[in-house]
Each structure stands twice: as structure tokens, then as C-alpha cells.
Amino acid sequence: MTHPFTKLAAQASEMKWTNATHLGTEYAALLVEPGYHRPPAPDDLPKLGASPSGSVVAMARTKGAESPPSKILEFSCYQWRLRDAPSSRGRANNNYSSRNVGTDASGALHMKIARDGDDLTCSEISLTRSM
């Protein structure tokens, strides 16, 4: 998570905020005091009130989809999300396919670029949790 905090923009009568996030199965939003430090690898949400890492003022949780939107691969004792969504990073249209990622009988991970008609598809994986 490269940007774990979102700044609030104060309006005259309300607080507003926006944030980009990955699709998932559960979401939580925390309102924290300045100086709050996120635990390095939280397994559970922090409790409301003061803690050694700072104060959590409010919290909201909601369920997302019943199952992850991306295919998951078990590799090297971790779960990896396989990308299927296209991207326009680097001023190019990049097509991703989960078919381009897999493991062989010995457990080695293979990622490839493959031809799909006149186009090429690439591969991308990411851990499902922070290290």
C-alpha cells in the first residue's frame, strides 16, 4: 500500500474525501488523529480510541463481492492476484491475461507474454496482502 492515508477536504457544511482502491471482498475506512501510524502487517482492524500507534476516532466497515474479482494463485506460501484488467500505463494499451501465469510440476512460477490474434497479452501478479 503506497498511500495508506487519504486527506479530508473540509467543505463549509460537510467533510468529503475520495480514494482509489482495488476491488475486494471487505473494506474498512478509519478516521484517525494526526500522527497515527498504521501497523506494519495488520491482521485485524485497530480498536476505537487511543493506542500505541495513535488514536482511531471512527471506523466503518462494509462487505464487497462474495469472491475476489481476480483469480488467485498459490505460490511460495503466498496468495497472488492475477491481473486480467487492461491498463494504459506508459502511454501504451497493455492487455493482461491470467492465462499467462502458472506453476509447473516442480512448483516454479512462469509468467509470459503471449500472442492473442494480432495483439500481445502480458502478465502481472501482486500479493493479496501487505508484507
N, C-alpha and C. Protein backbone atom coordinates (compact mmCIF):
# COMPACT_ATOMS: atom_id res chain seq x y z
N MET A 1 0.85 -1.15 0.00
CA MET A 1 0.00 0.00 0.00
C MET A 1 0.90 1.23 0.00
N THR A 2 0.95 1.93 -1.10
CA THR A 2 1.86 3.06 -1.21
C THR A 2 1.32 4.33 -0.57
N HIS A 3 -0.01 4.48 -0.49
CA HIS A 3 -0.63 5.66 0.11
C HIS A 3 -1.73 5.22 1.07
N PRO A 4 -1.36 4.84 2.30
CA PRO A 4 -2.38 4.32 3.21
C PRO A 4 -3.33 5.37 3.78
N PHE A 5 -3.00 6.65 3.65
CA PHE A 5 -3.83 7.70 4.22
C PHE A 5 -4.44 8.56 3.13
N THR A 6 -5.68 9.03 3.35
CA THR A 6 -6.38 9.94 2.44
C THR A 6 -6.70 11.20 3.22
N LYS A 7 -6.33 12.35 2.68
CA LYS A 7 -6.61 13.61 3.35
C LYS A 7 -8.08 13.99 3.15
N LEU A 8 -8.67 14.54 4.21
CA LEU A 8 -10.04 15.04 4.12
C LEU A 8 -10.04 16.46 3.61
N ALA A 9 -10.98 16.79 2.75
CA ALA A 9 -11.14 18.16 2.25
C ALA A 9 -12.35 18.75 2.95
N ALA A 10 -12.14 19.72 3.79
CA ALA A 10 -13.22 20.32 4.57
C ALA A 10 -14.04 21.26 3.70
N GLN A 11 -15.33 21.03 3.64
CA GLN A 11 -16.28 21.92 2.98
C GLN A 11 -16.98 22.72 4.07
N ALA A 12 -17.76 23.69 3.70
CA ALA A 12 -18.45 24.53 4.69
C ALA A 12 -19.35 23.71 5.61
N SER A 13 -20.08 22.76 5.07
CA SER A 13 -21.05 22.04 5.90
C SER A 13 -20.80 20.53 5.99
N GLU A 14 -19.80 20.02 5.30
CA GLU A 14 -19.57 18.57 5.32
C GLU A 14 -18.11 18.25 5.00
N MET A 15 -17.70 17.06 5.36
CA MET A 15 -16.37 16.56 5.01
C MET A 15 -16.51 15.64 3.81
N LYS A 16 -15.64 15.77 2.84
CA LYS A 16 -15.66 14.90 1.67
C LYS A 16 -14.28 14.33 1.45
N TRP A 17 -14.25 13.13 0.89
CA TRP A 17 -12.98 12.52 0.52
C TRP A 17 -13.22 11.52 -0.60
N THR A 18 -12.19 11.29 -1.38
CA THR A 18 -12.23 10.26 -2.42
C THR A 18 -10.95 9.45 -2.32
N ASN A 19 -11.02 8.23 -2.78
CA ASN A 19 -9.86 7.36 -2.73
C ASN A 19 -10.01 6.29 -3.79
N ALA A 20 -8.92 5.95 -4.47
CA ALA A 20 -8.92 4.84 -5.42
C ALA A 20 -8.54 3.58 -4.65
N THR A 21 -9.22 2.49 -4.95
CA THR A 21 -8.94 1.24 -4.26
C THR A 21 -9.09 0.07 -5.22
N HIS A 22 -8.51 -1.05 -4.86
CA HIS A 22 -8.66 -2.27 -5.65
C HIS A 22 -9.95 -2.96 -5.24
N LEU A 23 -10.57 -3.68 -6.15
CA LEU A 23 -11.77 -4.43 -5.83
C LEU A 23 -11.42 -5.50 -4.81
N GLY A 24 -12.29 -5.70 -3.85
CA GLY A 24 -12.02 -6.68 -2.81
C GLY A 24 -13.29 -7.26 -2.22
N THR A 25 -13.14 -8.03 -1.15
CA THR A 25 -14.29 -8.68 -0.52
C THR A 25 -14.73 -7.99 0.76
N GLU A 26 -13.90 -7.10 1.31
CA GLU A 26 -14.28 -6.35 2.51
C GLU A 26 -13.48 -5.05 2.54
N TYR A 27 -14.13 -3.99 3.01
CA TYR A 27 -13.50 -2.68 3.07
C TYR A 27 -13.68 -2.08 4.45
N ALA A 28 -12.74 -1.26 4.86
CA ALA A 28 -12.86 -0.52 6.11
C ALA A 28 -12.28 0.87 5.89
N ALA A 29 -12.92 1.85 6.50
CA ALA A 29 -12.42 3.23 6.49
C ALA A 29 -12.26 3.67 7.94
N LEU A 30 -11.09 4.20 8.26
CA LEU A 30 -10.80 4.66 9.62
C LEU A 30 -10.58 6.17 9.60
N LEU A 31 -11.13 6.86 10.56
CA LEU A 31 -10.83 8.27 10.76
C LEU A 31 -9.86 8.32 11.93
N VAL A 32 -8.64 8.82 11.68
CA VAL A 32 -7.59 8.79 12.70
C VAL A 32 -7.06 10.19 12.97
N GLU A 33 -6.51 10.36 14.14
CA GLU A 33 -5.88 11.62 14.52
C GLU A 33 -4.55 11.78 13.79
N PRO A 34 -4.09 13.03 13.59
CA PRO A 34 -2.75 13.23 13.02
C PRO A 34 -1.72 12.48 13.88
N GLY A 35 -0.74 11.90 13.24
CA GLY A 35 0.30 11.16 13.96
C GLY A 35 0.02 9.68 14.08
N TYR A 36 -1.16 9.22 13.62
CA TYR A 36 -1.47 7.79 13.68
C TYR A 36 -0.50 7.02 12.79
N HIS A 37 -0.03 5.88 13.25
CA HIS A 37 0.87 5.02 12.48
C HIS A 37 0.19 3.70 12.24
N ARG A 38 0.06 3.34 10.98
CA ARG A 38 -0.55 2.06 10.61
C ARG A 38 0.38 0.92 11.01
N PRO A 39 -0.14 -0.15 11.65
CA PRO A 39 0.71 -1.30 11.97
C PRO A 39 1.30 -1.89 10.69
N PRO A 40 2.52 -2.44 10.73
CA PRO A 40 3.17 -2.91 9.51
C PRO A 40 2.41 -4.01 8.78
N ALA A 41 1.78 -4.92 9.48
CA ALA A 41 1.03 -6.00 8.84
C ALA A 41 -0.21 -6.31 9.66
N PRO A 42 -1.21 -5.44 9.59
CA PRO A 42 -2.38 -5.65 10.45
C PRO A 42 -3.20 -6.84 9.98
N ASP A 43 -3.50 -7.75 10.91
CA ASP A 43 -4.40 -8.86 10.60
C ASP A 43 -5.83 -8.50 10.99
N ASP A 44 -5.97 -7.64 12.00
CA ASP A 44 -7.28 -7.20 12.48
C ASP A 44 -7.31 -5.68 12.45
N LEU A 45 -8.51 -5.13 12.39
CA LEU A 45 -8.66 -3.69 12.45
C LEU A 45 -8.32 -3.19 13.85
N PRO A 46 -7.76 -1.99 13.95
CA PRO A 46 -7.47 -1.44 15.29
C PRO A 46 -8.77 -1.14 16.02
N LYS A 47 -8.67 -0.99 17.31
CA LYS A 47 -9.82 -0.66 18.16
C LYS A 47 -10.02 0.86 18.18
N LEU A 48 -11.25 1.29 18.41
CA LEU A 48 -11.52 2.72 18.56
C LEU A 48 -10.84 3.25 19.81
N GLY A 49 -10.39 4.48 19.77
CA GLY A 49 -9.75 5.11 20.92
C GLY A 49 -8.25 5.17 20.77
N ALA A 50 -7.59 5.53 21.84
CA ALA A 50 -6.13 5.70 21.84
C ALA A 50 -5.44 4.34 21.85
N SER A 51 -4.32 4.26 21.17
CA SER A 51 -3.49 3.06 21.16
C SER A 51 -2.04 3.50 21.02
N PRO A 52 -1.08 2.57 21.14
CA PRO A 52 0.34 2.96 20.98
C PRO A 52 0.65 3.58 19.62
N SER A 53 -0.16 3.23 18.59
CA SER A 53 0.11 3.77 17.26
C SER A 53 -0.65 5.07 16.98
N GLY A 54 -1.49 5.54 17.91
CA GLY A 54 -2.25 6.77 17.72
C GLY A 54 -3.73 6.52 17.95
N SER A 55 -4.54 7.55 17.76
CA SER A 55 -5.97 7.45 18.06
C SER A 55 -6.80 7.18 16.82
N VAL A 56 -7.73 6.21 16.95
CA VAL A 56 -8.73 5.93 15.92
C VAL A 56 -10.03 6.56 16.40
N VAL A 57 -10.53 7.55 15.68
CA VAL A 57 -11.71 8.31 16.09
C VAL A 57 -13.00 7.62 15.66
N ALA A 58 -13.04 7.10 14.44
CA ALA A 58 -14.25 6.45 13.92
C ALA A 58 -13.85 5.39 12.90
N MET A 59 -14.76 4.43 12.70
CA MET A 59 -14.49 3.34 11.76
C MET A 59 -15.79 2.90 11.11
N ALA A 60 -15.72 2.55 9.82
CA ALA A 60 -16.86 1.99 9.10
C ALA A 60 -16.36 0.79 8.30
N ARG A 61 -17.16 -0.28 8.28
CA ARG A 61 -16.82 -1.48 7.52
C ARG A 61 -17.98 -1.84 6.61
N THR A 62 -17.66 -2.43 5.47
CA THR A 62 -18.70 -2.91 4.56
C THR A 62 -18.16 -4.09 3.78
N LYS A 63 -19.06 -4.97 3.39
CA LYS A 63 -18.69 -6.13 2.57
C LYS A 63 -18.60 -5.71 1.11
N GLY A 64 -17.72 -6.36 0.39
CA GLY A 64 -17.62 -6.18 -1.05
C GLY A 64 -18.23 -7.39 -1.74
N ALA A 65 -17.60 -7.86 -2.78
CA ALA A 65 -18.08 -9.03 -3.52
C ALA A 65 -17.91 -10.30 -2.68
N GLU A 66 -18.70 -11.31 -2.97
CA GLU A 66 -18.61 -12.59 -2.26
C GLU A 66 -17.28 -13.30 -2.51
N SER A 67 -16.75 -13.14 -3.70
CA SER A 67 -15.46 -13.76 -4.03
C SER A 67 -14.56 -12.72 -4.66
N PRO A 68 -13.24 -12.92 -4.58
CA PRO A 68 -12.33 -11.93 -5.16
C PRO A 68 -12.59 -11.75 -6.66
N PRO A 69 -12.48 -10.52 -7.17
CA PRO A 69 -12.73 -10.28 -8.58
C PRO A 69 -11.64 -10.83 -9.48
N SER A 70 -10.49 -11.12 -8.92
CA SER A 70 -9.36 -11.64 -9.70
C SER A 70 -9.11 -13.10 -9.35
N LYS A 71 -8.54 -13.82 -10.28
CA LYS A 71 -8.12 -15.19 -9.99
C LYS A 71 -6.94 -15.14 -9.03
N ILE A 72 -6.83 -16.15 -8.17
CA ILE A 72 -5.77 -16.23 -7.16
C ILE A 72 -4.92 -17.45 -7.44
N LEU A 73 -3.60 -17.28 -7.31
CA LEU A 73 -2.65 -18.37 -7.49
C LEU A 73 -1.88 -18.57 -6.19
N GLU A 74 -1.78 -19.81 -5.72
CA GLU A 74 -0.96 -20.15 -4.55
C GLU A 74 0.45 -20.43 -5.05
N PHE A 75 1.42 -19.65 -4.55
CA PHE A 75 2.81 -19.85 -4.95
C PHE A 75 3.72 -19.39 -3.82
N SER A 76 4.68 -20.22 -3.46
CA SER A 76 5.70 -19.88 -2.47
C SER A 76 5.08 -19.48 -1.12
N CYS A 77 4.05 -20.21 -0.72
CA CYS A 77 3.36 -20.00 0.57
C CYS A 77 2.59 -18.67 0.62
N TYR A 78 2.33 -18.05 -0.50
CA TYR A 78 1.57 -16.81 -0.55
C TYR A 78 0.46 -16.93 -1.58
N GLN A 79 -0.55 -16.06 -1.45
CA GLN A 79 -1.59 -15.95 -2.46
C GLN A 79 -1.30 -14.74 -3.34
N TRP A 80 -1.36 -14.95 -4.64
CA TRP A 80 -1.05 -13.92 -5.61
C TRP A 80 -2.28 -13.65 -6.48
N ARG A 81 -2.59 -12.38 -6.69
CA ARG A 81 -3.70 -11.97 -7.54
C ARG A 81 -3.19 -11.87 -8.98
N LEU A 82 -3.92 -12.48 -9.91
CA LEU A 82 -3.54 -12.46 -11.33
C LEU A 82 -4.33 -11.35 -12.03
N ARG A 83 -3.63 -10.49 -12.72
CA ARG A 83 -4.29 -9.36 -13.37
C ARG A 83 -4.91 -9.78 -14.69
N ASP A 84 -6.16 -9.32 -14.91
CA ASP A 84 -6.86 -9.51 -16.18
C ASP A 84 -7.32 -8.19 -16.78
N ALA A 85 -7.31 -7.12 -16.00
CA ALA A 85 -7.81 -5.83 -16.46
C ALA A 85 -6.75 -5.13 -17.31
N PRO A 86 -7.15 -4.50 -18.43
CA PRO A 86 -6.19 -3.76 -19.25
C PRO A 86 -5.70 -2.50 -18.54
N SER A 87 -4.61 -1.94 -19.04
CA SER A 87 -4.03 -0.73 -18.46
C SER A 87 -3.46 0.12 -19.58
N SER A 88 -3.43 1.44 -19.34
CA SER A 88 -2.81 2.34 -20.32
C SER A 88 -1.56 2.98 -19.73
N ARG A 89 -0.92 2.30 -18.77
CA ARG A 89 0.32 2.83 -18.18
C ARG A 89 1.41 2.93 -19.25
N GLY A 90 2.22 3.93 -19.15
CA GLY A 90 3.34 4.08 -20.08
C GLY A 90 2.92 4.48 -21.49
N ARG A 91 1.78 5.14 -21.61
CA ARG A 91 1.29 5.62 -22.90
C ARG A 91 1.02 4.50 -23.90
N ALA A 92 0.82 3.28 -23.43
CA ALA A 92 0.50 2.16 -24.32
C ALA A 92 -0.67 1.40 -23.74
N ASN A 93 -1.44 0.76 -24.61
CA ASN A 93 -2.52 -0.09 -24.13
C ASN A 93 -1.94 -1.46 -23.84
N ASN A 94 -1.98 -1.87 -22.58
CA ASN A 94 -1.44 -3.15 -22.16
C ASN A 94 -2.59 -4.09 -21.83
N ASN A 95 -2.63 -5.23 -22.50
CA ASN A 95 -3.64 -6.23 -22.23
C ASN A 95 -3.02 -7.32 -21.37
N TYR A 96 -3.69 -7.66 -20.27
CA TYR A 96 -3.20 -8.67 -19.34
C TYR A 96 -4.10 -9.90 -19.43
N SER A 97 -3.52 -11.07 -19.22
CA SER A 97 -4.30 -12.29 -19.21
C SER A 97 -3.80 -13.20 -18.09
N SER A 98 -4.73 -13.68 -17.27
CA SER A 98 -4.34 -14.61 -16.21
C SER A 98 -3.88 -15.94 -16.78
N ARG A 99 -4.20 -16.21 -18.04
CA ARG A 99 -3.71 -17.45 -18.69
C ARG A 99 -2.20 -17.43 -18.89
N ASN A 100 -1.58 -16.26 -18.76
CA ASN A 100 -0.13 -16.14 -18.97
C ASN A 100 0.69 -16.41 -17.71
N VAL A 101 0.04 -16.85 -16.63
CA VAL A 101 0.73 -17.11 -15.37
C VAL A 101 0.36 -18.50 -14.89
N GLY A 102 1.36 -19.24 -14.41
CA GLY A 102 1.09 -20.56 -13.86
C GLY A 102 2.33 -21.15 -13.21
N THR A 103 2.14 -22.28 -12.57
CA THR A 103 3.26 -23.01 -11.98
C THR A 103 3.37 -24.36 -12.68
N ASP A 104 4.59 -24.89 -12.70
CA ASP A 104 4.80 -26.20 -13.31
C ASP A 104 4.82 -27.30 -12.23
N ALA A 105 5.07 -28.54 -12.64
CA ALA A 105 5.04 -29.69 -11.72
C ALA A 105 6.07 -29.55 -10.60
N SER A 106 7.17 -28.83 -10.84
CA SER A 106 8.19 -28.67 -9.80
C SER A 106 7.88 -27.49 -8.87
N GLY A 107 6.81 -26.72 -9.17
CA GLY A 107 6.43 -25.59 -8.32
C GLY A 107 7.01 -24.26 -8.77
N ALA A 108 7.73 -24.24 -9.89
CA ALA A 108 8.32 -22.99 -10.40
C ALA A 108 7.22 -22.12 -11.02
N LEU A 109 7.34 -20.80 -10.82
CA LEU A 109 6.39 -19.84 -11.37
C LEU A 109 6.82 -19.47 -12.79
N HIS A 110 5.85 -19.40 -13.69
CA HIS A 110 6.11 -18.99 -15.08
C HIS A 110 5.17 -17.84 -15.43
N MET A 111 5.74 -16.76 -15.96
CA MET A 111 4.98 -15.62 -16.46
C MET A 111 5.43 -15.37 -17.89
N LYS A 112 4.48 -15.10 -18.78
CA LYS A 112 4.86 -14.95 -20.18
C LYS A 112 4.09 -13.83 -20.86
N ILE A 113 4.58 -13.46 -22.02
CA ILE A 113 3.89 -12.59 -22.95
C ILE A 113 3.44 -13.51 -24.08
N ALA A 114 2.17 -13.41 -24.47
CA ALA A 114 1.64 -14.33 -25.48
C ALA A 114 0.89 -13.57 -26.56
N ARG A 115 0.84 -14.15 -27.73
CA ARG A 115 0.09 -13.57 -28.84
C ARG A 115 -1.37 -14.00 -28.73
N ASP A 116 -2.29 -13.03 -28.91
CA ASP A 116 -3.72 -13.29 -28.91
C ASP A 116 -4.28 -12.64 -30.17
N GLY A 117 -4.31 -13.40 -31.25
CA GLY A 117 -4.68 -12.85 -32.55
C GLY A 117 -3.59 -11.90 -33.01
N ASP A 118 -3.96 -10.65 -33.30
CA ASP A 118 -2.98 -9.64 -33.72
C ASP A 118 -2.37 -8.89 -32.54
N ASP A 119 -2.85 -9.16 -31.33
CA ASP A 119 -2.40 -8.45 -30.14
C ASP A 119 -1.49 -9.33 -29.27
N LEU A 120 -0.78 -8.67 -28.37
CA LEU A 120 0.01 -9.37 -27.37
C LEU A 120 -0.66 -9.18 -26.01
N THR A 121 -0.59 -10.19 -25.17
CA THR A 121 -1.06 -10.08 -23.79
C THR A 121 0.12 -10.35 -22.88
N CYS A 122 0.15 -9.65 -21.75
CA CYS A 122 1.25 -9.82 -20.80
C CYS A 122 0.69 -10.36 -19.49
N SER A 123 1.55 -10.42 -18.49
CA SER A 123 1.13 -10.96 -17.20
C SER A 123 1.58 -10.04 -16.07
N GLU A 124 0.80 -10.05 -14.99
CA GLU A 124 1.16 -9.30 -13.80
C GLU A 124 0.53 -10.00 -12.62
N ILE A 125 1.32 -10.13 -11.53
CA ILE A 125 0.80 -10.68 -10.29
C ILE A 125 1.12 -9.73 -9.15
N SER A 126 0.30 -9.77 -8.11
CA SER A 126 0.57 -8.97 -6.92
C SER A 126 0.10 -9.76 -5.70
N LEU A 127 0.78 -9.55 -4.60
CA LEU A 127 0.40 -10.22 -3.36
C LEU A 127 -0.97 -9.76 -2.92
N THR A 128 -1.73 -10.66 -2.29
CA THR A 128 -3.05 -10.30 -1.82
C THR A 128 -3.01 -9.58 -0.49
N ARG A 129 -1.86 -9.57 0.20
CA ARG A 129 -1.72 -8.86 1.47
C ARG A 129 -0.37 -8.20 1.55
N SER A 130 -0.26 -7.21 2.38
CA SER A 130 0.98 -6.47 2.54
C SER A 130 2.00 -7.30 3.32
N MET A 131 3.27 -7.14 3.01
CA MET A 131 4.32 -7.80 3.76
C MET A 131 4.77 -6.89 4.87
